[in-house]
Amino acid sequence: MALFLDTSAIVKLFVPESGSDDVEGIIAGDRVRHIGGLTEHEFLSAVHLRVRAGGLPAAAGDLAIQSFQAKFLPEVTVAPLDQDVIGRSLALMRRHGPAGLRVLDSVQLASCQGVPGATLVLADVVLSKFAIAERVPTRLIA
């Protein structure tokens, strides 16, 4: 089974919080793991936000980013942000934008749709609603 990891789940691998053990259990083993072309951007933003908000010490944030880049990125396949993804993302925004689908979430979902047979692993209830509506296999981490 191929797994497509949304940033919301990836953060749990590097910043201990509720659901971190669940994500580790899901990705354990020899499964092929995919991420979207904007995931690194979103990961950096999420870690910096936690540091600015005071929920994560700066040193821990730096370590999370270093581990993500050195240990995680080399082990995943990055879905390119190409015209196919952009086209699917626009179609998703047309269908689900009025109901609250956000732009970056549409790009993540469109990227996942480009990986045949992938299960979307995420910790984002709102995005999961749209993934389910699109019939994308989904593993929501609470």
Protein backbone atom coordinates (compact mmCIF):
# COMPACT_ATOMS: atom_id res chain seq x y z
CA MET A 1 0.00 0.00 0.00
CA ALA A 2 1.26 3.46 -0.86
CA LEU A 3 0.89 6.16 1.76
CA PHE A 4 0.59 9.86 0.99
CA LEU A 5 1.50 11.83 4.11
CA ASP A 6 -0.09 15.21 4.65
CA THR A 7 1.95 17.79 6.55
CA SER A 8 -0.47 17.62 9.47
CA ALA A 9 0.58 14.01 10.06
CA ILE A 10 4.26 14.56 9.32
CA VAL A 11 4.56 17.24 11.99
CA LYS A 12 3.49 14.63 14.55
CA LEU A 13 6.59 12.59 13.67
CA PHE A 14 8.91 15.42 14.68
CA VAL A 15 6.95 17.34 17.31
CA PRO A 16 5.63 14.98 20.00
CA GLU A 17 1.91 15.51 20.46
CA SER A 18 -1.34 13.61 20.50
CA GLY A 19 -1.34 11.13 17.63
CA SER A 20 2.43 10.96 17.19
CA ASP A 21 2.55 7.25 18.07
CA ASP A 22 -0.33 6.55 15.69
CA VAL A 23 1.51 8.12 12.75
CA GLU A 24 4.68 6.20 13.59
CA GLY A 25 2.68 2.96 13.64
CA ILE A 26 1.02 3.67 10.31
CA ILE A 27 4.25 4.43 8.48
CA ALA A 28 6.21 1.54 10.01
CA GLY A 29 7.27 -1.11 7.57
CA ASP A 30 8.19 -1.20 3.93
CA ARG A 31 5.36 0.91 2.56
CA VAL A 32 6.14 3.43 -0.15
CA ARG A 33 5.67 6.94 1.23
CA HIS A 34 4.80 10.01 -0.82
CA ILE A 35 4.53 13.68 0.01
CA GLY A 36 3.44 16.71 -1.97
CA GLY A 37 5.74 19.23 -3.58
CA LEU A 38 4.80 21.90 -1.04
CA THR A 39 5.12 19.71 2.04
CA GLU A 40 8.56 20.97 3.04
CA HIS A 41 7.26 24.56 2.89
CA GLU A 42 4.25 23.66 5.03
CA PHE A 43 6.39 21.71 7.49
CA LEU A 44 8.77 24.62 8.02
CA SER A 45 5.83 26.98 8.46
CA ALA A 46 4.14 24.68 11.00
CA VAL A 47 7.31 24.28 13.09
CA HIS A 48 8.08 28.01 13.01
CA LEU A 49 4.49 28.76 14.06
CA ARG A 50 4.80 26.45 17.08
CA VAL A 51 8.08 28.13 18.07
CA ARG A 52 6.62 31.64 17.70
CA ALA A 53 3.54 30.65 19.69
CA GLY A 54 5.73 29.38 22.53
CA GLY A 55 4.60 25.76 22.29
CA LEU A 56 7.96 24.52 21.08
CA PRO A 57 11.42 25.70 22.21
CA ALA A 58 13.53 27.13 19.38
CA ALA A 59 16.19 24.43 19.79
CA ALA A 60 13.54 21.70 19.48
CA GLY A 61 12.17 23.40 16.40
CA ASP A 62 15.62 23.51 14.82
CA LEU A 63 16.15 19.83 15.62
CA ALA A 64 12.76 18.92 14.14
CA ILE A 65 13.61 20.73 10.91
CA GLN A 66 17.08 19.16 10.72
CA SER A 67 15.67 15.66 11.30
CA PHE A 68 12.90 16.19 8.74
CA GLN A 69 15.37 17.32 6.10
CA ALA A 70 18.15 14.82 6.84
CA LYS A 71 16.24 11.68 7.79
CA PHE A 72 12.71 11.97 6.42
CA LEU A 73 13.01 13.66 3.02
CA PRO A 74 15.52 11.15 1.60
CA GLU A 75 13.09 8.30 2.37
CA VAL A 76 10.01 9.65 0.58
CA THR A 77 8.94 10.25 -2.98
CA VAL A 78 8.01 13.87 -3.59
CA ALA A 79 5.07 14.31 -5.94
CA PRO A 80 6.00 17.07 -8.38
CA LEU A 81 3.99 20.26 -8.39
CA ASP A 82 3.21 20.02 -12.09
CA GLN A 83 0.40 21.05 -14.42
CA ASP A 84 -1.58 17.89 -13.62
CA VAL A 85 -1.56 18.70 -9.90
CA ILE A 86 -2.45 22.32 -10.56
CA GLY A 87 -5.35 21.28 -12.81
CA ARG A 88 -6.70 18.80 -10.25
CA SER A 89 -6.28 21.40 -7.51
CA LEU A 90 -8.29 23.97 -9.47
CA ALA A 91 -11.03 21.41 -10.08
CA LEU A 92 -11.10 20.62 -6.35
CA MET A 93 -11.36 24.33 -5.52
CA ARG A 94 -14.27 24.70 -7.94
CA ARG A 95 -16.08 21.77 -6.33
CA HIS A 96 -15.20 22.29 -2.68
CA GLY A 97 -13.93 25.86 -2.30
CA PRO A 98 -17.41 27.17 -1.45
CA ALA A 99 -17.54 24.59 1.37
CA GLY A 100 -14.20 25.69 2.84
CA LEU A 101 -11.43 23.80 1.04
CA ARG A 102 -8.23 25.81 1.43
CA VAL A 103 -5.76 26.35 -1.40
CA LEU A 104 -2.80 24.45 0.05
CA ASP A 105 -5.09 21.62 1.10
CA SER A 106 -6.40 21.41 -2.46
CA VAL A 107 -2.81 21.10 -3.68
CA GLN A 108 -2.06 18.34 -1.16
CA LEU A 109 -5.23 16.45 -2.06
CA ALA A 110 -4.57 16.87 -5.79
CA SER A 111 -1.03 15.58 -5.27
CA CYS A 112 -2.36 12.54 -3.44
CA GLN A 113 -4.86 11.87 -6.23
CA GLY A 114 -1.90 11.62 -8.60
CA VAL A 115 -0.44 8.65 -6.71
CA PRO A 116 -2.35 5.52 -7.80
CA GLY A 117 -3.81 3.59 -4.87
CA ALA A 118 -2.44 5.94 -2.21
CA THR A 119 -4.02 6.30 1.20
CA LEU A 120 -3.95 9.85 2.54
CA VAL A 121 -2.63 9.97 6.11
CA LEU A 122 -3.55 13.21 7.84
CA ALA A 123 -4.48 14.89 11.10
CA ASP A 124 -6.69 17.55 9.53
CA VAL A 125 -10.42 16.96 10.03
CA VAL A 126 -11.42 19.58 7.46
CA LEU A 127 -9.19 18.18 4.72
CA SER A 128 -10.32 14.64 5.54
CA LYS A 129 -13.92 15.66 4.82
CA PHE A 130 -12.98 16.73 1.29
CA ALA A 131 -10.75 13.69 0.72
CA ILE A 132 -13.62 11.40 1.68
CA ALA A 133 -15.95 13.32 -0.64
CA GLU A 134 -13.43 12.68 -3.42
CA ARG A 135 -13.31 8.97 -2.48
CA VAL A 136 -9.65 9.09 -1.55
CA PRO A 137 -8.76 6.37 0.97
CA THR A 138 -8.05 8.23 4.20
CA ARG A 139 -6.46 7.55 7.60
CA LEU A 140 -7.34 10.37 9.98
CA ILE A 141 -5.14 10.72 13.06
CA ALA A 142 -6.94 12.19 16.05
